[in-house]
Every structure is written in C-alpha cells, then in structure tokens.
Amino acid sequence: MLRHRRRSKVACSAALDLQPAALPKSSICVSVTATTVESFIHEIDEVERAGADIVELRLDYIKGFDTERDLARIMASCSRPYIVTFRPQWE
C-alpha cells in the first residue's frame, strides 16, 4: 500500500531552497491554436501582450505543420516560457 505524505508549502520551499514569499501564487497559461504558422506567431504575440505568463503551443492545430521547417521559428517567436503540445488526431 502506497502512502502519500502531504508537504506544507514551507517544507516544499525549503526543499527548493526558496522562501514561501518567493513562490509564485499563480500563473496564467494560454493556449495558441491558430491553423497557420503566420497566424500562430501573430497569436503568440497577442497572448504575450495580454499578459500570459506561460504559452501553450498547440502545434497539432497548424495545418501542414512541418517540424523541420516550422518548429524553430515558432519557438523563437515566443519570449515567455512555453509548453509544446502535439496531439495528432488519428482517423
């Protein structure tokens, strides 16, 4: 039987060598779901200007996405921390 121990915020911050006041209270993550590379890059700019802390790059929405051609360009256009997600829909 596995037993889970709950750690307090103070114990977690000590393990990370951070003070509780230094821990972020929350972050806003916004998904970018445009269907072309150009509109995807434009949408990244929009969500960053709107104040998103983290950007989720939903690459599976881009029609004709090519990793070698498009990925580096998209990641370079994002100045905030980002999460890359690619969940292709199988038919």
PDB file of N, CA and C in Angstrom:
ATOM      1  N   MET A   1       0.839  -1.175   0.000  1.00  0.00           N
ATOM      2  CA  MET A   1       0.000   0.000   0.000  1.00  0.00           C
ATOM      3  C   MET A   1       0.889   1.245   0.000  1.00  0.00           C
ATOM      4  N   LEU A   2       0.629   2.125  -0.937  1.00  0.00           N
ATOM      5  CA  LEU A   2       1.365   3.377  -1.010  1.00  0.00           C
ATOM      6  C   LEU A   2       0.709   4.403  -0.113  1.00  0.00           C
ATOM      7  N   ARG A   3       1.537   5.109   0.607  1.00  0.00           N
ATOM      8  CA  ARG A   3       1.022   6.181   1.454  1.00  0.00           C
ATOM      9  C   ARG A   3       1.636   7.487   0.989  1.00  0.00           C
ATOM     10  N   HIS A   4       0.808   8.450   0.808  1.00  0.00           N
ATOM     11  CA  HIS A   4       1.260   9.764   0.358  1.00  0.00           C
ATOM     12  C   HIS A   4       1.349  10.698   1.558  1.00  0.00           C
ATOM     13  N   ARG A   5       2.453  11.405   1.637  1.00  0.00           N
ATOM     14  CA  ARG A   5       2.603  12.413   2.674  1.00  0.00           C
ATOM     15  C   ARG A   5       2.367  13.775   2.057  1.00  0.00           C
ATOM     16  N   ARG A   6       1.621  14.563   2.722  1.00  0.00           N
ATOM     17  CA  ARG A   6       1.399  15.927   2.249  1.00  0.00           C
ATOM     18  C   ARG A   6       2.496  16.807   2.831  1.00  0.00           C
ATOM     19  N   ARG A   7       3.093  17.599   2.001  1.00  0.00           N
ATOM     20  CA  ARG A   7       4.118  18.521   2.453  1.00  0.00           C
ATOM     21  C   ARG A   7       3.534  19.916   2.518  1.00  0.00           C
ATOM     22  N   SER A   8       3.929  20.617   3.507  1.00  0.00           N
ATOM     23  CA  SER A   8       3.468  22.000   3.618  1.00  0.00           C
ATOM     24  C   SER A   8       4.208  22.850   2.602  1.00  0.00           C
ATOM     25  N   LYS A   9       3.692  24.033   2.341  1.00  0.00           N
ATOM     26  CA  LYS A   9       4.347  24.963   1.419  1.00  0.00           C
ATOM     27  C   LYS A   9       5.751  25.293   1.919  1.00  0.00           C
ATOM     28  N   VAL A  10       5.894  25.392   3.231  1.00  0.00           N
ATOM     29  CA  VAL A  10       7.194  25.715   3.805  1.00  0.00           C
ATOM     30  C   VAL A  10       8.178  24.575   3.563  1.00  0.00           C
ATOM     31  N   ALA A  11       7.739  23.322   3.746  1.00  0.00           N
ATOM     32  CA  ALA A  11       8.631  22.179   3.516  1.00  0.00           C
ATOM     33  C   ALA A  11       9.031  22.096   2.051  1.00  0.00           C
ATOM     34  N   CYS A  12       8.078  22.336   1.147  1.00  0.00           N
ATOM     35  CA  CYS A  12       8.386  22.307  -0.287  1.00  0.00           C
ATOM     36  C   CYS A  12       9.355  23.421  -0.650  1.00  0.00           C
ATOM     37  N   SER A  13       9.137  24.603  -0.118  1.00  0.00           N
ATOM     38  CA  SER A  13      10.020  25.702  -0.464  1.00  0.00           C
ATOM     39  C   SER A  13      11.415  25.481   0.097  1.00  0.00           C
ATOM     40  N   ALA A  14      11.513  24.840   1.266  1.00  0.00           N
ATOM     41  CA  ALA A  14      12.830  24.545   1.826  1.00  0.00           C
ATOM     42  C   ALA A  14      13.553  23.542   0.945  1.00  0.00           C
ATOM     43  N   ALA A  15      12.817  22.574   0.428  1.00  0.00           N
ATOM     44  CA  ALA A  15      13.425  21.580  -0.460  1.00  0.00           C
ATOM     45  C   ALA A  15      13.919  22.231  -1.740  1.00  0.00           C
ATOM     46  N   LEU A  16      13.259  23.292  -2.178  1.00  0.00           N
ATOM     47  CA  LEU A  16      13.654  24.003  -3.383  1.00  0.00           C
ATOM     48  C   LEU A  16      14.587  25.166  -3.081  1.00  0.00           C
ATOM     49  N   ASP A  17      14.914  25.352  -1.807  1.00  0.00           N
ATOM     50  CA  ASP A  17      15.767  26.453  -1.371  1.00  0.00           C
ATOM     51  C   ASP A  17      15.149  27.806  -1.727  1.00  0.00           C
ATOM     52  N   LEU A  18      13.839  27.919  -1.534  1.00  0.00           N
ATOM     53  CA  LEU A  18      13.123  29.176  -1.774  1.00  0.00           C
ATOM     54  C   LEU A  18      12.370  29.563  -0.512  1.00  0.00           C
ATOM     55  N   GLN A  19      12.150  30.811  -0.338  1.00  0.00           N
ATOM     56  CA  GLN A  19      11.319  31.292   0.748  1.00  0.00           C
ATOM     57  C   GLN A  19       9.868  31.264   0.284  1.00  0.00           C
ATOM     58  N   PRO A  20       8.911  30.992   1.194  1.00  0.00           N
ATOM     59  CA  PRO A  20       7.500  30.946   0.778  1.00  0.00           C
ATOM     60  C   PRO A  20       7.052  32.188   0.027  1.00  0.00           C
ATOM     61  N   ALA A  21       7.532  33.357   0.402  1.00  0.00           N
ATOM     62  CA  ALA A  21       7.129  34.590  -0.283  1.00  0.00           C
ATOM     63  C   ALA A  21       7.651  34.642  -1.710  1.00  0.00           C
ATOM     64  N   ALA A  22       8.722  33.865  -2.017  1.00  0.00           N
ATOM     65  CA  ALA A  22       9.306  33.873  -3.354  1.00  0.00           C
ATOM     66  C   ALA A  22       8.557  32.958  -4.314  1.00  0.00           C
ATOM     67  N   LEU A  23       7.704  32.087  -3.789  1.00  0.00           N
ATOM     68  CA  LEU A  23       6.956  31.179  -4.653  1.00  0.00           C
ATOM     69  C   LEU A  23       5.841  31.943  -5.363  1.00  0.00           C
ATOM     70  N   PRO A  24       5.663  31.702  -6.674  1.00  0.00           N
ATOM     71  CA  PRO A  24       4.573  32.382  -7.375  1.00  0.00           C
ATOM     72  C   PRO A  24       3.230  31.875  -6.868  1.00  0.00           C
ATOM     73  N   LYS A  25       2.291  32.791  -6.722  1.00  0.00           N
ATOM     74  CA  LYS A  25       0.969  32.391  -6.254  1.00  0.00           C
ATOM     75  C   LYS A  25       0.196  31.671  -7.351  1.00  0.00           C
ATOM     76  N   SER A  26       0.316  32.177  -8.562  1.00  0.00           N
ATOM     77  CA  SER A  26      -0.342  31.532  -9.703  1.00  0.00           C
ATOM     78  C   SER A  26       0.254  32.076 -10.992  1.00  0.00           C
ATOM     79  N   SER A  27       0.050  31.324 -12.046  1.00  0.00           N
ATOM     80  CA  SER A  27       0.485  31.743 -13.374  1.00  0.00           C
ATOM     81  C   SER A  27      -0.656  31.498 -14.340  1.00  0.00           C
ATOM     82  N   ILE A  28      -0.714  32.307 -15.377  1.00  0.00           N
ATOM     83  CA  ILE A  28      -1.740  32.140 -16.400  1.00  0.00           C
ATOM     84  C   ILE A  28      -1.090  31.524 -17.629  1.00  0.00           C
ATOM     85  N   CYS A  29      -1.644  30.403 -18.066  1.00  0.00           N
ATOM     86  CA  CYS A  29      -1.175  29.721 -19.274  1.00  0.00           C
ATOM     87  C   CYS A  29      -2.270  29.844 -20.328  1.00  0.00           C
ATOM     88  N   VAL A  30      -1.877  30.315 -21.509  1.00  0.00           N
ATOM     89  CA  VAL A  30      -2.842  30.486 -22.598  1.00  0.00           C
ATOM     90  C   VAL A  30      -2.416  29.611 -23.769  1.00  0.00           C
ATOM     91  N   SER A  31      -3.366  28.872 -24.329  1.00  0.00           N
ATOM     92  CA  SER A  31      -3.093  28.008 -25.478  1.00  0.00           C
ATOM     93  C   SER A  31      -3.222  28.787 -26.776  1.00  0.00           C
ATOM     94  N   VAL A  32      -2.261  28.563 -27.668  1.00  0.00           N
ATOM     95  CA  VAL A  32      -2.302  29.150 -29.006  1.00  0.00           C
ATOM     96  C   VAL A  32      -2.760  28.045 -29.948  1.00  0.00           C
ATOM     97  N   THR A  33      -3.831  28.310 -30.703  1.00  0.00           N
ATOM     98  CA  THR A  33      -4.447  27.263 -31.525  1.00  0.00           C
ATOM     99  C   THR A  33      -4.701  27.707 -32.962  1.00  0.00           C
ATOM    100  N   ALA A  34      -3.917  28.632 -33.458  1.00  0.00           N
ATOM    101  CA  ALA A  34      -4.107  29.099 -34.837  1.00  0.00           C
ATOM    102  C   ALA A  34      -3.794  27.968 -35.820  1.00  0.00           C
ATOM    103  N   THR A  35      -4.286  28.091 -37.035  1.00  0.00           N
ATOM    104  CA  THR A  35      -4.164  26.994 -38.005  1.00  0.00           C
ATOM    105  C   THR A  35      -3.080  27.186 -39.058  1.00  0.00           C
ATOM    106  N   THR A  36      -2.436  28.365 -39.095  1.00  0.00           N
ATOM    107  CA  THR A  36      -1.306  28.580 -39.998  1.00  0.00           C
ATOM    108  C   THR A  36      -0.131  29.097 -39.172  1.00  0.00           C
ATOM    109  N   VAL A  37       1.082  28.898 -39.668  1.00  0.00           N
ATOM    110  CA  VAL A  37       2.264  29.344 -38.932  1.00  0.00           C
ATOM    111  C   VAL A  37       2.242  30.850 -38.732  1.00  0.00           C
ATOM    112  N   GLU A  38       1.887  31.593 -39.780  1.00  0.00           N
ATOM    113  CA  GLU A  38       1.856  33.062 -39.666  1.00  0.00           C
ATOM    114  C   GLU A  38       0.855  33.526 -38.610  1.00  0.00           C
ATOM    115  N   SER A  39      -0.344  32.985 -38.628  1.00  0.00           N
ATOM    116  CA  SER A  39      -1.343  33.394 -37.641  1.00  0.00           C
ATOM    117  C   SER A  39      -0.982  32.874 -36.249  1.00  0.00           C
ATOM    118  N   PHE A  40      -0.292  31.753 -36.184  1.00  0.00           N
ATOM    119  CA  PHE A  40       0.174  31.194 -34.916  1.00  0.00           C
ATOM    120  C   PHE A  40       1.156  32.156 -34.245  1.00  0.00           C
ATOM    121  N   ILE A  41       2.123  32.657 -35.023  1.00  0.00           N
ATOM    122  CA  ILE A  41       3.114  33.605 -34.500  1.00  0.00           C
ATOM    123  C   ILE A  41       2.433  34.907 -34.078  1.00  0.00           C
ATOM    124  N   HIS A  42       1.472  35.358 -34.860  1.00  0.00           N
ATOM    125  CA  HIS A  42       0.711  36.562 -34.503  1.00  0.00           C
ATOM    126  C   HIS A  42      -0.042  36.343 -33.188  1.00  0.00           C
ATOM    127  N   GLU A  43      -0.647  35.174 -33.019  1.00  0.00           N
ATOM    128  CA  GLU A  43      -1.403  34.873 -31.807  1.00  0.00           C
ATOM    129  C   GLU A  43      -0.475  34.785 -30.590  1.00  0.00           C
ATOM    130  N   ILE A  44       0.743  34.265 -30.768  1.00  0.00           N
ATOM    131  CA  ILE A  44       1.716  34.237 -29.674  1.00  0.00           C
ATOM    132  C   ILE A  44       1.965  35.662 -29.190  1.00  0.00           C
ATOM    133  N   ASP A  45       2.186  36.565 -30.111  1.00  0.00           N
ATOM    134  CA  ASP A  45       2.421  37.964 -29.765  1.00  0.00           C
ATOM    135  C   ASP A  45       1.231  38.553 -29.010  1.00  0.00           C
ATOM    136  N   GLU A  46       0.032  38.243 -29.455  1.00  0.00           N
ATOM    137  CA  GLU A  46      -1.176  38.760 -28.804  1.00  0.00           C
ATOM    138  C   GLU A  46      -1.306  38.277 -27.361  1.00  0.00           C
ATOM    139  N   VAL A  47      -1.107  36.982 -27.131  1.00  0.00           N
ATOM    140  CA  VAL A  47      -1.270  36.462 -25.763  1.00  0.00           C
ATOM    141  C   VAL A  47      -0.163  36.959 -24.846  1.00  0.00           C
ATOM    142  N   GLU A  48       1.034  37.169 -25.379  1.00  0.00           N
ATOM    143  CA  GLU A  48       2.112  37.717 -24.553  1.00  0.00           C
ATOM    144  C   GLU A  48       1.809  39.162 -24.175  1.00  0.00           C
ATOM    145  N   ARG A  49       1.322  39.962 -25.131  1.00  0.00           N
ATOM    146  CA  ARG A  49       0.961  41.351 -24.836  1.00  0.00           C
ATOM    147  C   ARG A  49      -0.215  41.430 -23.865  1.00  0.00           C
ATOM    148  N   ALA A  50      -1.085  40.428 -23.893  1.00  0.00           N
ATOM    149  CA  ALA A  50      -2.238  40.400 -22.995  1.00  0.00           C
ATOM    150  C   ALA A  50      -1.850  39.994 -21.574  1.00  0.00           C
ATOM    151  N   GLY A  51      -0.617  39.497 -21.390  1.00  0.00           N
ATOM    152  CA  GLY A  51      -0.158  39.210 -20.034  1.00  0.00           C
ATOM    153  C   GLY A  51      -0.022  37.744 -19.661  1.00  0.00           C
ATOM    154  N   ALA A  52      -0.102  36.840 -20.614  1.00  0.00           N
ATOM    155  CA  ALA A  52       0.067  35.423 -20.290  1.00  0.00           C
ATOM    156  C   ALA A  52       1.456  35.181 -19.707  1.00  0.00           C
ATOM    157  N   ASP A  53       1.531  34.371 -18.664  1.00  0.00           N
ATOM    158  CA  ASP A  53       2.811  34.034 -18.050  1.00  0.00           C
ATOM    159  C   ASP A  53       3.491  32.876 -18.775  1.00  0.00           C
ATOM    160  N   ILE A  54       2.675  31.950 -19.258  1.00  0.00           N
ATOM    161  CA  ILE A  54       3.148  30.749 -19.951  1.00  0.00           C
ATOM    162  C   ILE A  54       2.300  30.591 -21.210  1.00  0.00           C
ATOM    163  N   VAL A  55       2.910  30.135 -22.295  1.00  0.00           N
ATOM    164  CA  VAL A  55       2.186  29.942 -23.551  1.00  0.00           C
ATOM    165  C   VAL A  55       2.232  28.460 -23.911  1.00  0.00           C
ATOM    166  N   GLU A  56       1.054  27.896 -24.190  1.00  0.00           N
ATOM    167  CA  GLU A  56       0.999  26.520 -24.679  1.00  0.00           C
ATOM    168  C   GLU A  56       0.939  26.575 -26.206  1.00  0.00           C
ATOM    169  N   LEU A  57       1.917  25.985 -26.846  1.00  0.00           N
ATOM    170  CA  LEU A  57       1.984  25.966 -28.311  1.00  0.00           C
ATOM    171  C   LEU A  57       1.321  24.682 -28.805  1.00  0.00           C
ATOM    172  N   ARG A  58       0.056  24.767 -29.202  1.00  0.00           N
ATOM    173  CA  ARG A  58      -0.701  23.605 -29.664  1.00  0.00           C
ATOM    174  C   ARG A  58      -0.425  23.391 -31.147  1.00  0.00           C
ATOM    175  N   LEU A  59       0.697  22.757 -31.430  1.00  0.00           N
ATOM    176  CA  LEU A  59       1.159  22.579 -32.806  1.00  0.00           C
ATOM    177  C   LEU A  59       0.230  21.697 -33.632  1.00  0.00           C
ATOM    178  N   ASP A  60      -0.552  20.860 -32.985  1.00  0.00           N
ATOM    179  CA  ASP A  60      -1.466  19.975 -33.709  1.00  0.00           C
ATOM    180  C   ASP A  60      -2.585  20.741 -34.411  1.00  0.00           C
ATOM    181  N   TYR A  61      -2.768  22.002 -34.098  1.00  0.00           N
ATOM    182  CA  TYR A  61      -3.791  22.805 -34.781  1.00  0.00           C
ATOM    183  C   TYR A  61      -3.298  23.358 -36.118  1.00  0.00           C
ATOM    184  N   ILE A  62      -1.982  23.408 -36.318  1.00  0.00           N
ATOM    185  CA  ILE A  62      -1.441  24.000 -37.544  1.00  0.00           C
ATOM    186  C   ILE A  62      -1.588  23.019 -38.700  1.00  0.00           C
ATOM    187  N   LYS A  63      -2.289  23.454 -39.732  1.00  0.00           N
ATOM    188  CA  LYS A  63      -2.460  22.605 -40.923  1.00  0.00           C
ATOM    189  C   LYS A  63      -1.132  22.539 -41.681  1.00  0.00           C
ATOM    190  N   GLY A  64      -0.696  21.329 -42.009  1.00  0.00           N
ATOM    191  CA  GLY A  64       0.537  21.149 -42.764  1.00  0.00           C
ATOM    192  C   GLY A  64       1.788  21.443 -41.951  1.00  0.00           C
ATOM    193  N   PHE A  65       1.716  21.311 -40.633  1.00  0.00           N
ATOM    194  CA  PHE A  65       2.872  21.594 -39.776  1.00  0.00           C
ATOM    195  C   PHE A  65       4.029  20.678 -40.139  1.00  0.00           C
ATOM    196  N   ASP A  66       5.212  21.269 -40.295  1.00  0.00           N
ATOM    197  CA  ASP A  66       6.431  20.528 -40.602  1.00  0.00           C
ATOM    198  C   ASP A  66       7.459  20.865 -39.523  1.00  0.00           C
ATOM    199  N   THR A  67       7.871  19.863 -38.757  1.00  0.00           N
ATOM    200  CA  THR A  67       8.774  20.091 -37.630  1.00  0.00           C
ATOM    201  C   THR A  67      10.048  20.798 -38.055  1.00  0.00           C
ATOM    202  N   GLU A  68      10.702  20.315 -39.092  1.00  0.00           N
ATOM    203  CA  GLU A  68      11.978  20.895 -39.518  1.00  0.00           C
ATOM    204  C   GLU A  68      11.832  22.326 -40.030  1.00  0.00           C
ATOM    205  N   ARG A  69      10.742  22.601 -40.694  1.00  0.00           N
ATOM    206  CA  ARG A  69      10.547  23.926 -41.279  1.00  0.00           C
ATOM    207  C   ARG A  69       9.982  24.928 -40.268  1.00  0.00           C
ATOM    208  N   ASP A  70       9.082  24.489 -39.402  1.00  0.00           N
ATOM    209  CA  ASP A  70       8.287  25.419 -38.607  1.00  0.00           C
ATOM    210  C   ASP A  70       8.640  25.522 -37.124  1.00  0.00           C
ATOM    211  N   LEU A  71       9.128  24.460 -36.509  1.00  0.00           N
ATOM    212  CA  LEU A  71       9.255  24.438 -35.052  1.00  0.00           C
ATOM    213  C   LEU A  71      10.217  25.500 -34.510  1.00  0.00           C
ATOM    214  N   ALA A  72      11.411  25.595 -35.046  1.00  0.00           N
ATOM    215  CA  ALA A  72      12.388  26.567 -34.537  1.00  0.00           C
ATOM    216  C   ALA A  72      11.868  27.996 -34.669  1.00  0.00           C
ATOM    217  N   ARG A  73      11.212  28.289 -35.769  1.00  0.00           N
ATOM    218  CA  ARG A  73      10.661  29.637 -35.996  1.00  0.00           C
ATOM    219  C   ARG A  73       9.588  29.977 -34.965  1.00  0.00           C
ATOM    220  N   ILE A  74       8.725  29.026 -34.678  1.00  0.00           N
ATOM    221  CA  ILE A  74       7.659  29.250 -33.702  1.00  0.00           C
ATOM    222  C   ILE A  74       8.249  29.439 -32.301  1.00  0.00           C
ATOM    223  N   MET A  75       9.169  28.582 -31.910  1.00  0.00           N
ATOM    224  CA  MET A  75       9.760  28.698 -30.576  1.00  0.00           C
ATOM    225  C   MET A  75      10.546  29.993 -30.422  1.00  0.00           C
ATOM    226  N   ALA A  76      11.222  30.430 -31.470  1.00  0.00           N
ATOM    227  CA  ALA A  76      11.987  31.678 -31.416  1.00  0.00           C
ATOM    228  C   ALA A  76      11.077  32.896 -31.268  1.00  0.00           C
ATOM    229  N   SER A  77       9.835  32.785 -31.727  1.00  0.00           N
ATOM    230  CA  SER A  77       8.915  33.925 -31.647  1.00  0.00           C
ATOM    231  C   SER A  77       8.277  34.064 -30.268  1.00  0.00           C
ATOM    232  N   CYS A  78       8.491  33.104 -29.404  1.00  0.00           N
ATOM    233  CA  CYS A  78       7.871  33.103 -28.082  1.00  0.00           C
ATOM    234  C   CYS A  78       8.888  33.556 -27.033  1.00  0.00           C
ATOM    235  N   SER A  79       8.623  34.688 -26.391  1.00  0.00           N
ATOM    236  CA  SER A  79       9.558  35.222 -25.403  1.00  0.00           C
ATOM    237  C   SER A  79       9.241  34.775 -23.976  1.00  0.00           C
ATOM    238  N   ARG A  80       8.091  34.165 -23.769  1.00  0.00           N
ATOM    239  CA  ARG A  80       7.690  33.676 -22.445  1.00  0.00           C
ATOM    240  C   ARG A  80       7.992  32.181 -22.361  1.00  0.00           C
ATOM    241  N   PRO A  81       8.003  31.631 -21.147  1.00  0.00           N
ATOM    242  CA  PRO A  81       8.112  30.167 -21.039  1.00  0.00           C
ATOM    243  C   PRO A  81       6.964  29.527 -21.804  1.00  0.00           C
ATOM    244  N   TYR A  82       7.223  28.375 -22.416  1.00  0.00           N
ATOM    245  CA  TYR A  82       6.171  27.745 -23.208  1.00  0.00           C
ATOM    246  C   TYR A  82       6.163  26.237 -23.019  1.00  0.00           C
ATOM    247  N   ILE A  83       5.014  25.662 -23.346  1.00  0.00           N
ATOM    248  CA  ILE A  83       4.793  24.217 -23.346  1.00  0.00           C
ATOM    249  C   ILE A  83       4.463  23.850 -24.780  1.00  0.00           C
ATOM    250  N   VAL A  84       5.165  22.885 -25.328  1.00  0.00           N
ATOM    251  CA  VAL A  84       4.887  22.434 -26.695  1.00  0.00           C
ATOM    252  C   VAL A  84       3.989  21.202 -26.607  1.00  0.00           C
ATOM    253  N   THR A  85       2.835  21.276 -27.277  1.00  0.00           N
ATOM    254  CA  THR A  85       1.889  20.164 -27.281  1.00  0.00           C
ATOM    255  C   THR A  85       1.594  19.776 -28.719  1.00  0.00           C
ATOM    256  N   PHE A  86       1.661  18.477 -28.986  1.00  0.00           N
ATOM    257  CA  PHE A  86       1.298  17.977 -30.311  1.00  0.00           C
ATOM    258  C   PHE A  86       0.522  16.688 -30.115  1.00  0.00           C
ATOM    259  N   ARG A  87      -0.783  16.759 -30.302  1.00  0.00           N
ATOM    260  CA  ARG A  87      -1.659  15.603 -30.146  1.00  0.00           C
ATOM    261  C   ARG A  87      -2.386  15.375 -31.466  1.00  0.00           C
ATOM    262  N   PRO A  88      -1.755  14.658 -32.362  1.00  0.00           N
ATOM    263  CA  PRO A  88      -2.419  14.457 -33.665  1.00  0.00           C
ATOM    264  C   PRO A  88      -3.704  13.640 -33.506  1.00  0.00           C
ATOM    265  N   GLN A  89      -4.669  13.980 -34.307  1.00  0.00           N
ATOM    266  CA  GLN A  89      -5.940  13.259 -34.309  1.00  0.00           C
ATOM    267  C   GLN A  89      -5.864  12.130 -35.309  1.00  0.00           C
ATOM    268  N   TRP A  90      -5.966  10.931 -34.846  1.00  0.00           N
ATOM    269  CA  TRP A  90      -5.899   9.751 -35.730  1.00  0.00           C
ATOM    270  C   TRP A  90      -7.305   9.431 -36.219  1.00  0.00           C
ATOM    271  N   GLU A  91      -7.408   9.158 -37.487  1.00  0.00           N
ATOM    272  CA  GLU A  91      -8.732   8.830 -38.048  1.00  0.00           C
ATOM    273  C   GLU A  91      -8.902   7.356 -38.171  1.00  0.00           C
TER     274      GLU A  91
END
